[in-house]
N, C-alpha and C. Protein backbone atom coordinates (compact mmCIF):
# COMPACT_ATOMS: atom_id res chain seq x y z
N MET A 1 111.50 58.62 156.74
CA MET A 1 110.98 59.62 157.52
C MET A 1 110.32 60.60 156.61
N ASN A 2 109.11 61.01 157.04
CA ASN A 2 108.36 61.86 156.12
C ASN A 2 108.61 63.43 156.50
N GLY A 3 108.12 64.32 155.82
CA GLY A 3 108.39 65.74 156.04
C GLY A 3 107.93 66.31 157.35
N ASP A 4 106.78 65.80 157.82
CA ASP A 4 106.29 66.26 159.13
C ASP A 4 107.23 65.68 160.25
N GLU A 5 107.65 64.46 160.26
CA GLU A 5 108.51 64.05 161.23
C GLU A 5 109.90 64.81 161.21
N GLN A 6 110.36 65.09 160.03
CA GLN A 6 111.60 65.88 159.87
C GLN A 6 111.43 67.28 160.43
N ALA A 7 110.22 67.86 160.20
CA ALA A 7 109.95 69.18 160.81
C ALA A 7 109.91 69.22 162.32
N ILE A 8 109.39 68.08 162.88
CA ILE A 8 109.41 67.95 164.32
C ILE A 8 110.76 67.76 164.88
N ARG A 9 111.55 67.01 164.25
CA ARG A 9 113.03 66.80 164.70
C ARG A 9 113.79 68.12 164.55
N ASP A 10 113.49 68.78 163.52
CA ASP A 10 114.13 70.09 163.24
C ASP A 10 113.63 71.13 164.28
N LEU A 11 112.42 71.11 164.80
CA LEU A 11 111.97 71.91 165.92
C LEU A 11 112.70 71.58 167.18
N ILE A 12 112.90 70.41 167.50
CA ILE A 12 113.62 70.01 168.74
C ILE A 12 115.07 70.44 168.59
N HIS A 13 115.73 70.31 167.47
CA HIS A 13 117.05 70.77 167.28
C HIS A 13 117.20 72.27 167.32
N THR A 14 116.20 72.91 166.78
CA THR A 14 116.30 74.41 166.78
C THR A 14 116.08 74.93 168.27
N TRP A 15 115.22 74.28 169.07
CA TRP A 15 114.95 74.66 170.40
C TRP A 15 116.20 74.44 171.18
N ILE A 16 116.88 73.41 171.04
CA ILE A 16 118.09 73.12 171.84
C ILE A 16 119.31 74.16 171.44
N ALA A 17 119.39 74.38 170.10
CA ALA A 17 120.37 75.30 169.71
C ALA A 17 120.13 76.80 170.13
N ALA A 18 118.81 77.15 170.04
CA ALA A 18 118.43 78.47 170.47
C ALA A 18 118.64 78.67 171.98
N SER A 19 118.27 77.63 172.68
CA SER A 19 118.55 77.71 174.17
C SER A 19 119.93 77.93 174.56
N LYS A 20 120.78 77.12 173.84
CA LYS A 20 122.22 77.28 174.08
C LYS A 20 122.86 78.60 173.72
N ALA A 21 122.13 79.26 172.64
CA ALA A 21 122.57 80.56 172.26
C ALA A 21 121.98 81.70 173.12
N GLY A 22 120.98 81.36 173.98
CA GLY A 22 120.34 82.46 174.70
C GLY A 22 119.25 83.18 173.80
N ASP A 23 118.85 82.48 172.76
CA ASP A 23 117.87 83.18 171.92
C ASP A 23 116.53 82.83 172.28
N ILE A 24 116.02 83.49 173.28
CA ILE A 24 114.61 83.15 173.89
C ILE A 24 113.62 83.38 172.82
N GLU A 25 113.69 84.48 172.06
CA GLU A 25 112.56 84.75 171.07
C GLU A 25 112.35 83.59 170.13
N THR A 26 113.45 82.84 169.72
CA THR A 26 113.24 81.90 168.77
C THR A 26 112.64 80.60 169.50
N VAL A 27 113.02 80.34 170.72
CA VAL A 27 112.38 79.27 171.51
C VAL A 27 110.91 79.51 171.62
N LEU A 28 110.59 80.90 172.11
CA LEU A 28 109.14 81.18 172.24
C LEU A 28 108.39 81.06 170.97
N GLY A 29 108.90 81.21 169.83
CA GLY A 29 108.32 81.06 168.47
C GLY A 29 107.97 79.59 168.15
N LEU A 30 108.52 78.67 168.92
CA LEU A 30 108.38 77.31 168.72
C LEU A 30 107.27 76.77 169.51
N MET A 31 106.63 77.51 170.35
CA MET A 31 105.53 76.93 171.24
C MET A 31 104.26 77.83 170.99
N SER A 32 103.11 77.21 171.35
CA SER A 32 101.86 77.83 171.23
C SER A 32 101.72 78.80 172.44
N ASP A 33 100.79 79.81 172.25
CA ASP A 33 100.57 80.78 173.37
C ASP A 33 99.96 80.03 174.61
N ASP A 34 99.23 78.96 174.41
CA ASP A 34 98.61 78.32 175.55
C ASP A 34 99.39 77.00 175.93
N ILE A 35 100.64 77.01 175.65
CA ILE A 35 101.50 75.81 176.05
C ILE A 35 101.28 75.61 177.56
N VAL A 36 101.49 74.38 177.97
CA VAL A 36 101.60 74.00 179.38
C VAL A 36 102.79 73.18 179.54
N PHE A 37 103.75 73.61 180.36
CA PHE A 37 104.93 72.86 180.80
C PHE A 37 104.59 72.08 182.11
N MET A 38 104.90 70.84 182.18
CA MET A 38 104.64 70.11 183.42
C MET A 38 105.95 69.51 183.89
N VAL A 39 106.36 69.89 185.11
CA VAL A 39 107.45 69.46 185.79
C VAL A 39 107.10 68.89 187.04
N PRO A 40 107.97 68.06 187.74
CA PRO A 40 107.57 67.53 189.06
C PRO A 40 107.06 68.65 189.96
N GLY A 41 105.78 68.55 190.47
CA GLY A 41 105.25 69.29 191.51
C GLY A 41 104.47 70.65 191.01
N ARG A 42 104.57 70.90 189.66
CA ARG A 42 103.95 72.14 189.23
C ARG A 42 103.88 72.07 187.67
N SER A 43 103.05 73.05 187.20
CA SER A 43 102.90 73.28 185.74
C SER A 43 102.87 74.79 185.54
N PHE A 44 103.22 75.20 184.39
CA PHE A 44 103.22 76.59 184.14
C PHE A 44 103.00 76.92 182.58
N GLY A 45 102.97 78.13 182.23
CA GLY A 45 102.71 78.49 180.87
C GLY A 45 103.78 79.27 180.27
N LYS A 46 103.58 79.93 179.14
CA LYS A 46 104.54 80.58 178.35
C LYS A 46 105.12 81.76 179.01
N ALA A 47 104.34 82.56 179.75
CA ALA A 47 104.75 83.78 180.39
C ALA A 47 105.84 83.29 181.52
N ALA A 48 105.50 82.32 182.18
CA ALA A 48 106.39 81.98 183.23
C ALA A 48 107.79 81.35 182.71
N PHE A 49 107.61 80.59 181.57
CA PHE A 49 108.75 80.08 180.78
C PHE A 49 109.70 81.25 180.51
N GLN A 50 109.03 82.27 179.85
CA GLN A 50 109.85 83.51 179.44
C GLN A 50 110.46 84.13 180.52
N ALA A 51 109.76 84.28 181.68
CA ALA A 51 110.32 85.03 182.80
C ALA A 51 111.58 84.15 183.35
N ALA A 52 111.43 82.91 183.45
CA ALA A 52 112.50 81.98 183.92
C ALA A 52 113.72 82.08 182.95
N SER A 53 113.41 82.11 181.74
CA SER A 53 114.51 82.23 180.64
C SER A 53 115.35 83.50 180.82
N GLU A 54 114.50 84.50 181.01
CA GLU A 54 115.11 85.99 181.14
C GLU A 54 116.02 85.96 182.41
N ALA A 55 115.59 85.25 183.43
CA ALA A 55 116.41 85.18 184.65
C ALA A 55 117.70 84.40 184.59
N MET A 56 117.69 83.47 183.51
CA MET A 56 118.80 82.60 183.36
C MET A 56 119.93 83.37 182.49
N LYS A 57 119.69 84.48 181.90
CA LYS A 57 120.67 85.17 181.03
C LYS A 57 121.91 85.20 181.82
N GLY A 58 122.96 85.07 181.14
CA GLY A 58 124.33 85.09 181.72
C GLY A 58 124.82 83.78 182.27
N MET A 59 124.01 82.76 182.38
CA MET A 59 124.25 81.51 182.76
C MET A 59 124.81 80.67 181.77
N GLY A 60 125.73 79.74 181.95
CA GLY A 60 126.06 78.73 181.06
C GLY A 60 124.99 77.72 180.77
N PHE A 61 124.72 77.36 179.55
CA PHE A 61 123.72 76.27 179.31
C PHE A 61 124.21 75.32 178.29
N GLU A 62 124.14 74.01 178.52
CA GLU A 62 124.45 73.06 177.52
C GLU A 62 123.32 72.06 177.62
N ALA A 63 122.95 71.47 176.56
CA ALA A 63 121.86 70.50 176.57
C ALA A 63 122.05 69.52 175.34
N VAL A 64 121.63 68.26 175.57
CA VAL A 64 121.63 67.31 174.53
C VAL A 64 120.26 66.55 174.62
N SER A 65 119.62 66.57 173.38
CA SER A 65 118.26 65.93 173.41
C SER A 65 118.29 64.67 172.38
N GLU A 66 118.23 63.57 172.94
CA GLU A 66 118.13 62.41 171.98
C GLU A 66 116.72 62.02 171.78
N ILE A 67 116.30 62.15 170.57
CA ILE A 67 114.95 61.92 170.09
C ILE A 67 114.68 60.41 170.04
N LEU A 68 113.86 59.79 170.83
CA LEU A 68 113.65 58.41 170.91
C LEU A 68 112.41 57.93 170.03
N GLU A 69 111.44 58.77 170.02
CA GLU A 69 110.18 58.49 169.23
C GLU A 69 109.52 59.75 168.74
N VAL A 70 108.90 59.72 167.53
CA VAL A 70 108.01 60.72 167.04
C VAL A 70 106.90 59.94 166.49
N HIS A 71 105.63 60.27 166.93
CA HIS A 71 104.51 59.65 166.41
C HIS A 71 103.56 60.67 165.96
N ILE A 72 103.01 60.64 164.71
CA ILE A 72 102.14 61.74 164.14
C ILE A 72 100.82 61.08 163.80
N THR A 73 99.73 61.84 164.21
CA THR A 73 98.34 61.38 163.97
C THR A 73 97.62 62.65 163.48
N GLY A 74 97.48 62.85 162.26
CA GLY A 74 96.76 63.95 161.66
C GLY A 74 97.56 65.21 161.97
N ASP A 75 97.00 66.23 162.64
CA ASP A 75 97.64 67.56 162.95
C ASP A 75 98.23 67.55 164.32
N HIS A 76 98.20 66.44 165.05
CA HIS A 76 98.92 66.26 166.36
C HIS A 76 100.02 65.22 166.32
N ALA A 77 100.96 65.41 167.16
CA ALA A 77 102.08 64.46 167.24
C ALA A 77 102.59 64.43 168.73
N TRP A 78 103.23 63.40 168.94
CA TRP A 78 103.97 63.39 170.30
C TRP A 78 105.43 62.98 170.03
N CYS A 79 106.29 63.51 170.87
CA CYS A 79 107.67 63.16 170.74
C CYS A 79 108.25 62.82 172.08
N ARG A 80 108.94 61.77 172.15
CA ARG A 80 109.63 61.23 173.49
C ARG A 80 111.11 61.38 173.33
N THR A 81 111.66 62.07 174.17
CA THR A 81 113.23 62.27 174.19
C THR A 81 113.78 61.99 175.52
N HIS A 82 115.18 61.85 175.39
CA HIS A 82 115.96 61.81 176.70
C HIS A 82 116.80 63.08 176.66
N LEU A 83 116.59 63.89 177.67
CA LEU A 83 117.36 65.20 177.68
C LEU A 83 118.29 65.30 178.83
N THR A 84 119.47 65.81 178.56
CA THR A 84 120.53 66.06 179.59
C THR A 84 120.81 67.54 179.46
N VAL A 85 120.79 68.25 180.62
CA VAL A 85 120.97 69.63 180.76
C VAL A 85 122.06 69.94 181.75
N THR A 86 122.86 70.85 181.50
CA THR A 86 123.82 71.43 182.39
C THR A 86 123.75 72.92 182.50
N VAL A 87 123.50 73.47 183.70
CA VAL A 87 123.35 74.95 183.88
C VAL A 87 124.43 75.33 184.82
N SER A 88 125.17 76.41 184.36
CA SER A 88 126.29 76.89 185.10
C SER A 88 126.12 78.37 185.43
N PRO A 89 125.62 78.66 186.66
CA PRO A 89 125.46 80.09 187.10
C PRO A 89 126.87 80.75 187.13
N PRO A 90 126.95 82.03 186.98
CA PRO A 90 128.27 82.77 187.02
C PRO A 90 128.93 82.61 188.30
N ASN A 91 128.16 82.69 189.49
CA ASN A 91 128.79 82.60 190.76
C ASN A 91 128.20 81.50 191.61
N GLY A 92 128.08 80.34 191.07
CA GLY A 92 127.40 79.16 191.81
C GLY A 92 127.83 77.89 191.34
N ASN A 93 127.20 76.88 191.75
CA ASN A 93 127.43 75.50 191.52
C ASN A 93 126.82 75.06 190.16
N THR A 94 127.49 74.38 189.37
CA THR A 94 126.86 73.82 188.16
C THR A 94 125.87 72.70 188.45
N VAL A 95 124.72 72.70 187.84
CA VAL A 95 123.70 71.74 188.01
C VAL A 95 123.58 70.87 186.80
N HIS A 96 123.47 69.62 186.96
CA HIS A 96 123.30 68.63 185.90
C HIS A 96 121.95 67.97 186.12
N ARG A 97 121.16 67.98 185.10
CA ARG A 97 119.83 67.24 185.20
C ARG A 97 119.65 66.39 183.90
N SER A 98 119.09 65.19 184.05
CA SER A 98 118.73 64.49 182.91
C SER A 98 117.41 63.61 183.09
N GLY A 99 116.80 63.12 182.12
CA GLY A 99 115.63 62.37 182.22
C GLY A 99 114.83 62.37 180.91
N ASN A 100 113.63 61.92 181.03
CA ASN A 100 112.72 61.81 179.94
C ASN A 100 111.85 63.11 179.76
N THR A 101 111.48 63.22 178.53
CA THR A 101 110.49 64.30 178.24
C THR A 101 109.42 63.68 177.27
N LEU A 102 108.21 64.24 177.41
CA LEU A 102 107.16 63.91 176.47
C LEU A 102 106.51 65.16 176.04
N SER A 103 106.62 65.44 174.73
CA SER A 103 105.99 66.62 174.21
C SER A 103 104.85 66.32 173.17
N ILE A 104 103.86 67.14 173.21
CA ILE A 104 102.79 67.15 172.29
C ILE A 104 102.85 68.28 171.36
N LEU A 105 102.71 68.07 170.08
CA LEU A 105 102.78 69.18 169.13
C LEU A 105 101.51 69.22 168.26
N GLN A 106 101.37 70.41 167.65
CA GLN A 106 100.24 70.59 166.93
C GLN A 106 100.61 71.30 165.61
N LYS A 107 100.21 70.86 164.41
CA LYS A 107 100.49 71.41 163.19
C LYS A 107 99.43 72.56 163.00
N GLN A 108 99.97 73.60 162.58
CA GLN A 108 99.27 74.90 162.47
C GLN A 108 98.66 75.00 161.02
N ALA A 109 97.81 75.92 160.70
CA ALA A 109 97.11 76.05 159.42
C ALA A 109 98.20 76.34 158.29
N ASP A 110 99.34 76.98 158.74
CA ASP A 110 100.40 77.28 157.76
C ASP A 110 101.41 76.21 157.60
N GLY A 111 101.18 75.01 158.28
CA GLY A 111 102.04 73.81 158.13
C GLY A 111 103.10 73.83 159.28
N LYS A 112 103.30 74.81 159.93
CA LYS A 112 104.28 74.84 160.97
C LYS A 112 103.86 73.99 162.21
N TRP A 113 104.75 73.27 162.78
CA TRP A 113 104.51 72.56 164.01
C TRP A 113 104.84 73.51 165.20
N LEU A 114 103.96 73.38 166.27
CA LEU A 114 104.30 74.11 167.46
C LEU A 114 104.10 73.23 168.72
N MET A 115 104.91 73.38 169.75
CA MET A 115 104.77 72.65 170.96
C MET A 115 103.64 73.13 171.74
N ILE A 116 102.65 72.30 172.08
CA ILE A 116 101.60 72.71 172.92
C ILE A 116 101.53 72.23 174.37
N ARG A 117 102.18 71.19 174.59
CA ARG A 117 102.36 70.57 175.93
C ARG A 117 103.69 69.87 176.06
N ASP A 118 104.37 70.00 177.27
CA ASP A 118 105.55 69.30 177.47
C ASP A 118 105.77 68.90 178.85
N ALA A 119 105.96 67.55 179.09
CA ALA A 119 106.18 66.94 180.40
C ALA A 119 107.63 66.72 180.46
N ASN A 120 108.27 67.30 181.45
CA ASN A 120 109.73 67.28 181.55
C ASN A 120 110.00 66.58 182.90
N MET A 121 110.55 65.50 182.93
CA MET A 121 110.84 64.61 184.09
C MET A 121 112.24 64.56 184.48
N LEU A 122 112.98 65.57 184.33
CA LEU A 122 114.46 65.61 184.58
C LEU A 122 114.79 65.45 186.09
N ALA A 123 115.71 64.87 186.41
CA ALA A 123 116.14 64.75 187.79
C ALA A 123 117.57 65.18 187.98
N THR A 124 118.02 65.78 189.06
CA THR A 124 119.39 66.11 189.43
C THR A 124 120.25 64.90 189.34
N GLU A 125 121.32 65.11 188.77
CA GLU A 125 122.26 63.86 188.70
C GLU A 125 123.25 64.01 190.00
């Protein structure tokens, strides 16, 4: 495994750990300003992601991301994972979702990788 692949794997690990900890600022720092998230039926950007994350404060959150593939071509890469997420609202029913994700990343001038696109195909279990 080369340094770039390890950096991408570390980004995914950091994203999951920061999400579990409710550290939205760290997660936002792992994505480009023009990121596009694609989920069934809609797509949205960084501002909508941040608003949704803020609305989830106080909820229990667990996630496991199994990295299945990382492919790097120059300053772009894609990563395929299987993601399992459990969200527990304080006064509601726990929701379990799992499925595949496909992320596109771009290496910045400073050598840091950022996520620029993310297709999330999770389904309710």
